[in-house]
Amino acid sequence: MGKLVANIDDDVKARAAALYDSMGMSLSTAVNMFLRQSLVDNGLPFRPRRYEGIRLVPTEETRRAMVEAEAKELGLMPDDAVECRTEEEVLDHLRVLRERAR
């Protein structure tokens, strides 16, 4: 097995190691995955772009859901949320939703 030496900012290394650790893998495993996927893709496994800060633009569907949730929170429209306290109540509610969708 070969070794790879790379210069990485300490903060980036620590944050990436914590991220991959939370996913149950080491930083070494993540780098191996990146390199293997690069071979599969015959290039970088993502499209490189110039960083311009985080630009999260919600889709139309997401934007409508956000507006609806805020309107319900403000009491501008009735809140039709269902409260389920047990797993059985959740399963019953899902069953009802499936039947309605038919």
PDB file of N, CA and C in Angstrom:
ATOM      1  N   MET A   1       0.858  -1.170   0.000  1.00  0.00           N
ATOM      2  CA  MET A   1       0.000   0.000   0.000  1.00  0.00           C
ATOM      3  C   MET A   1       0.898   1.224   0.000  1.00  0.00           C
ATOM      4  N   GLY A   2       0.613   2.160  -0.898  1.00  0.00           N
ATOM      5  CA  GLY A   2       1.408   3.374  -1.013  1.00  0.00           C
ATOM      6  C   GLY A   2       0.979   4.431  -0.022  1.00  0.00           C
ATOM      7  N   LYS A   3       1.828   5.415   0.156  1.00  0.00           N
ATOM      8  CA  LYS A   3       1.528   6.534   1.040  1.00  0.00           C
ATOM      9  C   LYS A   3       1.395   7.796   0.202  1.00  0.00           C
ATOM     10  N   LEU A   4       0.541   8.683   0.624  1.00  0.00           N
ATOM     11  CA  LEU A   4       0.332   9.959  -0.031  1.00  0.00           C
ATOM     12  C   LEU A   4       0.574  11.050   0.995  1.00  0.00           C
ATOM     13  N   VAL A   5       1.440  12.002   0.664  1.00  0.00           N
ATOM     14  CA  VAL A   5       1.691  13.129   1.553  1.00  0.00           C
ATOM     15  C   VAL A   5       1.102  14.358   0.892  1.00  0.00           C
ATOM     16  N   ALA A   6       0.276  15.084   1.627  1.00  0.00           N
ATOM     17  CA  ALA A   6      -0.359  16.283   1.082  1.00  0.00           C
ATOM     18  C   ALA A   6      -0.317  17.389   2.121  1.00  0.00           C
ATOM     19  N   ASN A   7      -0.123  18.601   1.665  1.00  0.00           N
ATOM     20  CA  ASN A   7      -0.175  19.761   2.554  1.00  0.00           C
ATOM     21  C   ASN A   7      -1.618  20.246   2.615  1.00  0.00           C
ATOM     22  N   ILE A   8      -2.183  20.195   3.808  1.00  0.00           N
ATOM     23  CA  ILE A   8      -3.580  20.576   4.008  1.00  0.00           C
ATOM     24  C   ILE A   8      -3.638  21.532   5.192  1.00  0.00           C
ATOM     25  N   ASP A   9      -4.449  22.585   5.072  1.00  0.00           N
ATOM     26  CA  ASP A   9      -4.623  23.501   6.195  1.00  0.00           C
ATOM     27  C   ASP A   9      -5.086  22.712   7.411  1.00  0.00           C
ATOM     28  N   ASP A  10      -4.531  23.025   8.577  1.00  0.00           N
ATOM     29  CA  ASP A  10      -4.869  22.296   9.803  1.00  0.00           C
ATOM     30  C   ASP A  10      -6.370  22.308  10.075  1.00  0.00           C
ATOM     31  N   ASP A  11      -7.003  23.478   9.889  1.00  0.00           N
ATOM     32  CA  ASP A  11      -8.433  23.594  10.159  1.00  0.00           C
ATOM     33  C   ASP A  11      -9.241  22.721   9.205  1.00  0.00           C
ATOM     34  N   VAL A  12      -8.878  22.747   7.927  1.00  0.00           N
ATOM     35  CA  VAL A  12      -9.589  21.945   6.930  1.00  0.00           C
ATOM     36  C   VAL A  12      -9.428  20.460   7.257  1.00  0.00           C
ATOM     37  N   LYS A  13      -8.217  20.051   7.604  1.00  0.00           N
ATOM     38  CA  LYS A  13      -7.972  18.643   7.933  1.00  0.00           C
ATOM     39  C   LYS A  13      -8.797  18.216   9.144  1.00  0.00           C
ATOM     40  N   ALA A  14      -8.815  19.031  10.185  1.00  0.00           N
ATOM     41  CA  ALA A  14      -9.551  18.678  11.403  1.00  0.00           C
ATOM     42  C   ALA A  14     -11.048  18.604  11.132  1.00  0.00           C
ATOM     43  N   ARG A  15     -11.581  19.585  10.392  1.00  0.00           N
ATOM     44  CA  ARG A  15     -13.017  19.589  10.102  1.00  0.00           C
ATOM     45  C   ARG A  15     -13.402  18.428   9.203  1.00  0.00           C
ATOM     46  N   ALA A  16     -12.574  18.135   8.194  1.00  0.00           N
ATOM     47  CA  ALA A  16     -12.863  17.020   7.293  1.00  0.00           C
ATOM     48  C   ALA A  16     -12.769  15.694   8.046  1.00  0.00           C
ATOM     49  N   ALA A  17     -11.759  15.554   8.900  1.00  0.00           N
ATOM     50  CA  ALA A  17     -11.617  14.326   9.683  1.00  0.00           C
ATOM     51  C   ALA A  17     -12.838  14.117  10.575  1.00  0.00           C
ATOM     52  N   ALA A  18     -13.324  15.196  11.198  1.00  0.00           N
ATOM     53  CA  ALA A  18     -14.516  15.097  12.053  1.00  0.00           C
ATOM     54  C   ALA A  18     -15.747  14.721  11.223  1.00  0.00           C
ATOM     55  N   LEU A  19     -15.870  15.311  10.034  1.00  0.00           N
ATOM     56  CA  LEU A  19     -16.997  14.997   9.158  1.00  0.00           C
ATOM     57  C   LEU A  19     -16.999  13.522   8.793  1.00  0.00           C
ATOM     58  N   TYR A  20     -15.866  13.029   8.299  1.00  0.00           N
ATOM     59  CA  TYR A  20     -15.815  11.637   7.870  1.00  0.00           C
ATOM     60  C   TYR A  20     -15.903  10.681   9.048  1.00  0.00           C
ATOM     61  N   ASP A  21     -15.379  11.092  10.195  1.00  0.00           N
ATOM     62  CA  ASP A  21     -15.515  10.265  11.396  1.00  0.00           C
ATOM     63  C   ASP A  21     -16.993  10.109  11.757  1.00  0.00           C
ATOM     64  N   SER A  22     -17.757  11.183  11.601  1.00  0.00           N
ATOM     65  CA  SER A  22     -19.187  11.118  11.904  1.00  0.00           C
ATOM     66  C   SER A  22     -19.926  10.206  10.923  1.00  0.00           C
ATOM     67  N   MET A  23     -19.285   9.936   9.783  1.00  0.00           N
ATOM     68  CA  MET A  23     -19.857   9.047   8.773  1.00  0.00           C
ATOM     69  C   MET A  23     -19.290   7.634   8.905  1.00  0.00           C
ATOM     70  N   GLY A  24     -18.443   7.439   9.926  1.00  0.00           N
ATOM     71  CA  GLY A  24     -17.908   6.114  10.181  1.00  0.00           C
ATOM     72  C   GLY A  24     -16.701   5.741   9.356  1.00  0.00           C
ATOM     73  N   MET A  25     -15.966   6.731   8.857  1.00  0.00           N
ATOM     74  CA  MET A  25     -14.775   6.417   8.071  1.00  0.00           C
ATOM     75  C   MET A  25     -13.641   7.365   8.418  1.00  0.00           C
ATOM     76  N   SER A  26     -12.449   6.931   8.103  1.00  0.00           N
ATOM     77  CA  SER A  26     -11.274   7.753   8.372  1.00  0.00           C
ATOM     78  C   SER A  26     -11.038   8.717   7.219  1.00  0.00           C
ATOM     79  N   LEU A  27     -10.200   9.690   7.453  1.00  0.00           N
ATOM     80  CA  LEU A  27      -9.815  10.630   6.407  1.00  0.00           C
ATOM     81  C   LEU A  27      -9.102   9.880   5.283  1.00  0.00           C
ATOM     82  N   SER A  28      -8.307   8.891   5.641  1.00  0.00           N
ATOM     83  CA  SER A  28      -7.607   8.079   4.644  1.00  0.00           C
ATOM     84  C   SER A  28      -8.600   7.346   3.737  1.00  0.00           C
ATOM     85  N   THR A  29      -9.641   6.786   4.323  1.00  0.00           N
ATOM     86  CA  THR A  29     -10.666   6.097   3.535  1.00  0.00           C
ATOM     87  C   THR A  29     -11.364   7.077   2.607  1.00  0.00           C
ATOM     88  N   ALA A  30     -11.671   8.274   3.104  1.00  0.00           N
ATOM     89  CA  ALA A  30     -12.341   9.283   2.278  1.00  0.00           C
ATOM     90  C   ALA A  30     -11.461   9.687   1.092  1.00  0.00           C
ATOM     91  N   VAL A  31     -10.173   9.855   1.320  1.00  0.00           N
ATOM     92  CA  VAL A  31      -9.256  10.214   0.230  1.00  0.00           C
ATOM     93  C   VAL A  31      -9.200   9.074  -0.781  1.00  0.00           C
ATOM     94  N   ASN A  32      -9.136   7.829  -0.301  1.00  0.00           N
ATOM     95  CA  ASN A  32      -9.152   6.682  -1.210  1.00  0.00           C
ATOM     96  C   ASN A  32     -10.422   6.660  -2.048  1.00  0.00           C
ATOM     97  N   MET A  33     -11.558   6.960  -1.428  1.00  0.00           N
ATOM     98  CA  MET A  33     -12.826   7.005  -2.161  1.00  0.00           C
ATOM     99  C   MET A  33     -12.784   8.084  -3.236  1.00  0.00           C
ATOM    100  N   PHE A  34     -12.253   9.243  -2.880  1.00  0.00           N
ATOM    101  CA  PHE A  34     -12.139  10.344  -3.835  1.00  0.00           C
ATOM    102  C   PHE A  34     -11.288   9.918  -5.032  1.00  0.00           C
ATOM    103  N   LEU A  35     -10.133   9.312  -4.768  1.00  0.00           N
ATOM    104  CA  LEU A  35      -9.234   8.910  -5.846  1.00  0.00           C
ATOM    105  C   LEU A  35      -9.862   7.818  -6.712  1.00  0.00           C
ATOM    106  N   ARG A  36     -10.531   6.852  -6.090  1.00  0.00           N
ATOM    107  CA  ARG A  36     -11.180   5.791  -6.864  1.00  0.00           C
ATOM    108  C   ARG A  36     -12.311   6.355  -7.737  1.00  0.00           C
ATOM    109  N   GLN A  37     -13.090   7.277  -7.183  1.00  0.00           N
ATOM    110  CA  GLN A  37     -14.169   7.874  -7.975  1.00  0.00           C
ATOM    111  C   GLN A  37     -13.600   8.716  -9.107  1.00  0.00           C
ATOM    112  N   SER A  38     -12.452   9.346  -8.887  1.00  0.00           N
ATOM    113  CA  SER A  38     -11.784  10.097  -9.952  1.00  0.00           C
ATOM    114  C   SER A  38     -11.437   9.175 -11.113  1.00  0.00           C
ATOM    115  N   LEU A  39     -10.987   7.960 -10.797  1.00  0.00           N
ATOM    116  CA  LEU A  39     -10.668   6.993 -11.848  1.00  0.00           C
ATOM    117  C   LEU A  39     -11.920   6.554 -12.593  1.00  0.00           C
ATOM    118  N   VAL A  40     -13.003   6.332 -11.866  1.00  0.00           N
ATOM    119  CA  VAL A  40     -14.269   5.944 -12.501  1.00  0.00           C
ATOM    120  C   VAL A  40     -14.760   7.052 -13.427  1.00  0.00           C
ATOM    121  N   ASP A  41     -14.673   8.304 -12.954  1.00  0.00           N
ATOM    122  CA  ASP A  41     -15.154   9.446 -13.722  1.00  0.00           C
ATOM    123  C   ASP A  41     -14.149   9.934 -14.759  1.00  0.00           C
ATOM    124  N   ASN A  42     -12.931   9.378 -14.719  1.00  0.00           N
ATOM    125  CA  ASN A  42     -11.859   9.806 -15.607  1.00  0.00           C
ATOM    126  C   ASN A  42     -11.581  11.301 -15.459  1.00  0.00           C
ATOM    127  N   GLY A  43     -11.614  11.769 -14.232  1.00  0.00           N
ATOM    128  CA  GLY A  43     -11.374  13.173 -13.913  1.00  0.00           C
ATOM    129  C   GLY A  43     -11.865  13.456 -12.512  1.00  0.00           C
ATOM    130  N   LEU A  44     -11.994  14.713 -12.182  1.00  0.00           N
ATOM    131  CA  LEU A  44     -12.506  15.072 -10.861  1.00  0.00           C
ATOM    132  C   LEU A  44     -13.942  14.578 -10.709  1.00  0.00           C
ATOM    133  N   PRO A  45     -14.295  14.061  -9.536  1.00  0.00           N
ATOM    134  CA  PRO A  45     -15.654  13.550  -9.340  1.00  0.00           C
ATOM    135  C   PRO A  45     -16.661  14.648  -8.995  1.00  0.00           C
ATOM    136  N   PHE A  46     -16.365  15.851  -9.367  1.00  0.00           N
ATOM    137  CA  PHE A  46     -17.274  16.983  -9.189  1.00  0.00           C
ATOM    138  C   PHE A  46     -16.867  18.042 -10.191  1.00  0.00           C
ATOM    139  N   ARG A  47     -17.737  18.994 -10.421  1.00  0.00           N
ATOM    140  CA  ARG A  47     -17.453  20.068 -11.373  1.00  0.00           C
ATOM    141  C   ARG A  47     -16.827  21.234 -10.629  1.00  0.00           C
ATOM    142  N   PRO A  48     -15.545  21.503 -10.839  1.00  0.00           N
ATOM    143  CA  PRO A  48     -14.917  22.616 -10.122  1.00  0.00           C
ATOM    144  C   PRO A  48     -15.474  23.957 -10.594  1.00  0.00           C
ATOM    145  N   ARG A  49     -15.702  24.834  -9.640  1.00  0.00           N
ATOM    146  CA  ARG A  49     -16.191  26.191  -9.942  1.00  0.00           C
ATOM    147  C   ARG A  49     -15.483  27.179  -9.053  1.00  0.00           C
ATOM    148  N   ARG A  50     -15.472  28.389  -9.474  1.00  0.00           N
ATOM    149  CA  ARG A  50     -14.895  29.451  -8.651  1.00  0.00           C
ATOM    150  C   ARG A  50     -15.821  29.674  -7.466  1.00  0.00           C
ATOM    151  N   TYR A  51     -15.260  29.743  -6.276  1.00  0.00           N
ATOM    152  CA  TYR A  51     -16.048  29.933  -5.057  1.00  0.00           C
ATOM    153  C   TYR A  51     -16.515  31.380  -4.973  1.00  0.00           C
ATOM    154  N   GLU A  52     -17.806  31.552  -4.822  1.00  0.00           N
ATOM    155  CA  GLU A  52     -18.378  32.893  -4.700  1.00  0.00           C
ATOM    156  C   GLU A  52     -19.201  33.003  -3.430  1.00  0.00           C
ATOM    157  N   GLY A  53     -18.895  32.172  -2.460  1.00  0.00           N
ATOM    158  CA  GLY A  53     -19.692  32.164  -1.245  1.00  0.00           C
ATOM    159  C   GLY A  53     -20.863  31.219  -1.408  1.00  0.00           C
ATOM    160  N   ILE A  54     -21.557  31.002  -0.335  1.00  0.00           N
ATOM    161  CA  ILE A  54     -22.681  30.077  -0.369  1.00  0.00           C
ATOM    162  C   ILE A  54     -23.886  30.783  -0.977  1.00  0.00           C
ATOM    163  N   ARG A  55     -24.382  30.199  -2.058  1.00  0.00           N
ATOM    164  CA  ARG A  55     -25.579  30.731  -2.703  1.00  0.00           C
ATOM    165  C   ARG A  55     -26.607  29.625  -2.752  1.00  0.00           C
ATOM    166  N   LEU A  56     -27.421  29.587  -1.749  1.00  0.00           N
ATOM    167  CA  LEU A  56     -28.474  28.586  -1.718  1.00  0.00           C
ATOM    168  C   LEU A  56     -29.772  29.240  -2.158  1.00  0.00           C
ATOM    169  N   VAL A  57     -30.206  28.888  -3.335  1.00  0.00           N
ATOM    170  CA  VAL A  57     -31.439  29.449  -3.873  1.00  0.00           C
ATOM    171  C   VAL A  57     -32.490  28.352  -3.830  1.00  0.00           C
ATOM    172  N   PRO A  58     -33.542  28.551  -3.051  1.00  0.00           N
ATOM    173  CA  PRO A  58     -34.562  27.499  -2.962  1.00  0.00           C
ATOM    174  C   PRO A  58     -35.311  27.346  -4.277  1.00  0.00           C
ATOM    175  N   THR A  59     -35.747  26.127  -4.540  1.00  0.00           N
ATOM    176  CA  THR A  59     -36.581  25.888  -5.709  1.00  0.00           C
ATOM    177  C   THR A  59     -37.938  26.539  -5.466  1.00  0.00           C
ATOM    178  N   GLU A  60     -38.727  26.621  -6.498  1.00  0.00           N
ATOM    179  CA  GLU A  60     -40.063  27.205  -6.365  1.00  0.00           C
ATOM    180  C   GLU A  60     -40.895  26.420  -5.356  1.00  0.00           C
ATOM    181  N   GLU A  61     -40.800  25.098  -5.411  1.00  0.00           N
ATOM    182  CA  GLU A  61     -41.552  24.248  -4.483  1.00  0.00           C
ATOM    183  C   GLU A  61     -41.112  24.499  -3.038  1.00  0.00           C
ATOM    184  N   THR A  62     -39.807  24.606  -2.818  1.00  0.00           N
ATOM    185  CA  THR A  62     -39.293  24.869  -1.474  1.00  0.00           C
ATOM    186  C   THR A  62     -39.709  26.245  -0.991  1.00  0.00           C
ATOM    187  N   ARG A  63     -39.634  27.242  -1.881  1.00  0.00           N
ATOM    188  CA  ARG A  63     -40.016  28.607  -1.505  1.00  0.00           C
ATOM    189  C   ARG A  63     -41.483  28.659  -1.092  1.00  0.00           C
ATOM    190  N   ARG A  64     -42.345  27.976  -1.841  1.00  0.00           N
ATOM    191  CA  ARG A  64     -43.772  27.946  -1.494  1.00  0.00           C
ATOM    192  C   ARG A  64     -43.999  27.266  -0.140  1.00  0.00           C
ATOM    193  N   ALA A  65     -43.271  26.178   0.116  1.00  0.00           N
ATOM    194  CA  ALA A  65     -43.402  25.474   1.395  1.00  0.00           C
ATOM    195  C   ALA A  65     -42.949  26.363   2.544  1.00  0.00           C
ATOM    196  N   MET A  66     -41.889  27.140   2.325  1.00  0.00           N
ATOM    197  CA  MET A  66     -41.399  28.039   3.364  1.00  0.00           C
ATOM    198  C   MET A  66     -42.428  29.131   3.674  1.00  0.00           C
ATOM    199  N   VAL A  67     -43.020  29.695   2.623  1.00  0.00           N
ATOM    200  CA  VAL A  67     -44.037  30.741   2.812  1.00  0.00           C
ATOM    201  C   VAL A  67     -45.252  30.167   3.525  1.00  0.00           C
ATOM    202  N   GLU A  68     -45.661  28.970   3.122  1.00  0.00           N
ATOM    203  CA  GLU A  68     -46.815  28.320   3.767  1.00  0.00           C
ATOM    204  C   GLU A  68     -46.537  28.049   5.243  1.00  0.00           C
ATOM    205  N   ALA A  69     -45.347  27.548   5.551  1.00  0.00           N
ATOM    206  CA  ALA A  69     -44.992  27.263   6.951  1.00  0.00           C
ATOM    207  C   ALA A  69     -44.992  28.538   7.780  1.00  0.00           C
ATOM    208  N   GLU A  70     -44.481  29.620   7.221  1.00  0.00           N
ATOM    209  CA  GLU A  70     -44.456  30.888   7.956  1.00  0.00           C
ATOM    210  C   GLU A  70     -45.877  31.418   8.165  1.00  0.00           C
ATOM    211  N   ALA A  71     -46.723  31.282   7.146  1.00  0.00           N
ATOM    212  CA  ALA A  71     -48.114  31.739   7.275  1.00  0.00           C
ATOM    213  C   ALA A  71     -48.838  30.951   8.364  1.00  0.00           C
ATOM    214  N   LYS A  72     -48.583  29.654   8.449  1.00  0.00           N
ATOM    215  CA  LYS A  72     -49.197  28.833   9.496  1.00  0.00           C
ATOM    216  C   LYS A  72     -48.670  29.249  10.865  1.00  0.00           C
ATOM    217  N   GLU A  73     -47.359  29.501  10.929  1.00  0.00           N
ATOM    218  CA  GLU A  73     -46.750  29.905  12.203  1.00  0.00           C
ATOM    219  C   GLU A  73     -47.325  31.232  12.692  1.00  0.00           C
ATOM    220  N   LEU A  74     -47.625  32.130  11.762  1.00  0.00           N
ATOM    221  CA  LEU A  74     -48.159  33.445  12.120  1.00  0.00           C
ATOM    222  C   LEU A  74     -49.673  33.430  12.296  1.00  0.00           C
ATOM    223  N   GLY A  75     -50.301  32.280  12.060  1.00  0.00           N
ATOM    224  CA  GLY A  75     -51.747  32.180  12.216  1.00  0.00           C
ATOM    225  C   GLY A  75     -52.520  32.764  11.060  1.00  0.00           C
ATOM    226  N   LEU A  76     -51.881  32.985   9.922  1.00  0.00           N
ATOM    227  CA  LEU A  76     -52.548  33.551   8.755  1.00  0.00           C
ATOM    228  C   LEU A  76     -53.328  32.504   7.969  1.00  0.00           C
ATOM    229  N   MET A  77     -53.009  31.239   8.215  1.00  0.00           N
ATOM    230  CA  MET A  77     -53.764  30.154   7.600  1.00  0.00           C
ATOM    231  C   MET A  77     -53.793  29.002   8.590  1.00  0.00           C
ATOM    232  N   PRO A  78     -54.804  28.147   8.500  1.00  0.00           N
ATOM    233  CA  PRO A  78     -54.908  27.063   9.477  1.00  0.00           C
ATOM    234  C   PRO A  78     -53.742  26.078   9.362  1.00  0.00           C
ATOM    235  N   ASP A  79     -53.303  25.610  10.503  1.00  0.00           N
ATOM    236  CA  ASP A  79     -52.212  24.643  10.551  1.00  0.00           C
ATOM    237  C   ASP A  79     -52.820  23.250  10.539  1.00  0.00           C
ATOM    238  N   ASP A  80     -52.600  22.520   9.455  1.00  0.00           N
ATOM    239  CA  ASP A  80     -53.180  21.195   9.297  1.00  0.00           C
ATOM    240  C   ASP A  80     -52.199  20.083   9.676  1.00  0.00           C
ATOM    241  N   ALA A  81     -51.176  20.433  10.434  1.00  0.00           N
ATOM    242  CA  ALA A  81     -50.178  19.439  10.839  1.00  0.00           C
ATOM    243  C   ALA A  81     -50.806  18.385  11.734  1.00  0.00           C
ATOM    244  N   VAL A  82     -50.331  17.176  11.596  1.00  0.00           N
ATOM    245  CA  VAL A  82     -50.816  16.056  12.401  1.00  0.00           C
ATOM    246  C   VAL A  82     -49.740  15.734  13.427  1.00  0.00           C
ATOM    247  N   GLU A  83     -50.143  15.583  14.677  1.00  0.00           N
ATOM    248  CA  GLU A  83     -49.190  15.236  15.732  1.00  0.00           C
ATOM    249  C   GLU A  83     -49.283  13.752  16.024  1.00  0.00           C
ATOM    250  N   CYS A  84     -48.174  13.061  15.898  1.00  0.00           N
ATOM    251  CA  CYS A  84     -48.105  11.633  16.197  1.00  0.00           C
ATOM    252  C   CYS A  84     -47.156  11.455  17.365  1.00  0.00           C
ATOM    253  N   ARG A  85     -47.628  10.818  18.411  1.00  0.00           N
ATOM    254  CA  ARG A  85     -46.813  10.647  19.621  1.00  0.00           C
ATOM    255  C   ARG A  85     -46.140   9.277  19.709  1.00  0.00           C
ATOM    256  N   THR A  86     -46.635   8.313  18.957  1.00  0.00           N
ATOM    257  CA  THR A  86     -46.061   6.966  19.014  1.00  0.00           C
ATOM    258  C   THR A  86     -45.775   6.486  17.601  1.00  0.00           C
ATOM    259  N   GLU A  87     -44.975   5.459  17.510  1.00  0.00           N
ATOM    260  CA  GLU A  87     -44.675   4.871  16.203  1.00  0.00           C
ATOM    261  C   GLU A  87     -45.950   4.345  15.553  1.00  0.00           C
ATOM    262  N   GLU A  88     -46.834   3.791  16.357  1.00  0.00           N
ATOM    263  CA  GLU A  88     -48.093   3.262  15.834  1.00  0.00           C
ATOM    264  C   GLU A  88     -48.934   4.374  15.211  1.00  0.00           C
ATOM    265  N   GLU A  89     -48.981   5.541  15.867  1.00  0.00           N
ATOM    266  CA  GLU A  89     -49.728   6.675  15.316  1.00  0.00           C
ATOM    267  C   GLU A  89     -49.117   7.144  13.992  1.00  0.00           C
ATOM    268  N   VAL A  90     -47.809   7.127  13.901  1.00  0.00           N
ATOM    269  CA  VAL A  90     -47.138   7.517  12.658  1.00  0.00           C
ATOM    270  C   VAL A  90     -47.521   6.561  11.545  1.00  0.00           C
ATOM    271  N   LEU A  91     -47.444   5.264  11.827  1.00  0.00           N
ATOM    272  CA  LEU A  91     -47.779   4.258  10.811  1.00  0.00           C
ATOM    273  C   LEU A  91     -49.242   4.351  10.394  1.00  0.00           C
ATOM    274  N   ASP A  92     -50.135   4.593  11.346  1.00  0.00           N
ATOM    275  CA  ASP A  92     -51.554   4.771  11.012  1.00  0.00           C
ATOM    276  C   ASP A  92     -51.757   5.978  10.116  1.00  0.00           C
ATOM    277  N   HIS A  93     -51.081   7.073  10.445  1.00  0.00           N
ATOM    278  CA  HIS A  93     -51.211   8.292   9.643  1.00  0.00           C
ATOM    279  C   HIS A  93     -50.677   8.065   8.229  1.00  0.00           C
ATOM    280  N   LEU A  94     -49.534   7.394   8.103  1.00  0.00           N
ATOM    281  CA  LEU A  94     -48.984   7.111   6.778  1.00  0.00           C
ATOM    282  C   LEU A  94     -49.914   6.218   5.973  1.00  0.00           C
ATOM    283  N   ARG A  95     -50.546   5.266   6.636  1.00  0.00           N
ATOM    284  CA  ARG A  95     -51.497   4.381   5.976  1.00  0.00           C
ATOM    285  C   ARG A  95     -52.661   5.190   5.403  1.00  0.00           C
ATOM    286  N   VAL A  96     -53.180   6.132   6.184  1.00  0.00           N
ATOM    287  CA  VAL A  96     -54.280   6.991   5.741  1.00  0.00           C
ATOM    288  C   VAL A  96     -53.859   7.825   4.524  1.00  0.00           C
ATOM    289  N   LEU A  97     -52.654   8.379   4.591  1.00  0.00           N
ATOM    290  CA  LEU A  97     -52.161   9.193   3.470  1.00  0.00           C
ATOM    291  C   LEU A  97     -52.026   8.361   2.189  1.00  0.00           C
ATOM    292  N   ARG A  98     -51.537   7.129   2.333  1.00  0.00           N
ATOM    293  CA  ARG A  98     -51.401   6.260   1.160  1.00  0.00           C
ATOM    294  C   ARG A  98     -52.775   5.956   0.555  1.00  0.00           C
ATOM    295  N   GLU A  99     -53.759   5.705   1.415  1.00  0.00           N
ATOM    296  CA  GLU A  99     -55.103   5.395   0.923  1.00  0.00           C
ATOM    297  C   GLU A  99     -55.714   6.588   0.194  1.00  0.00           C
ATOM    298  N   ARG A 100     -55.477   7.783   0.723  1.00  0.00           N
ATOM    299  CA  ARG A 100     -55.990   9.004   0.075  1.00  0.00           C
ATOM    300  C   ARG A 100     -55.338   9.222  -1.291  1.00  0.00           C
ATOM    301  N   ALA A 101     -54.072   8.839  -1.420  1.00  0.00           N
ATOM    302  CA  ALA A 101     -53.334   9.071  -2.664  1.00  0.00           C
ATOM    303  C   ALA A 101     -53.806   8.154  -3.787  1.00  0.00           C
ATOM    304  N   ARG A 102     -54.492   7.067  -3.463  1.00  0.00           N
ATOM    305  CA  ARG A 102     -54.944   6.110  -4.488  1.00  0.00           C
ATOM    306  C   ARG A 102     -56.065   6.629  -5.297  1.00  0.00           C
TER     307      ARG A 102
END
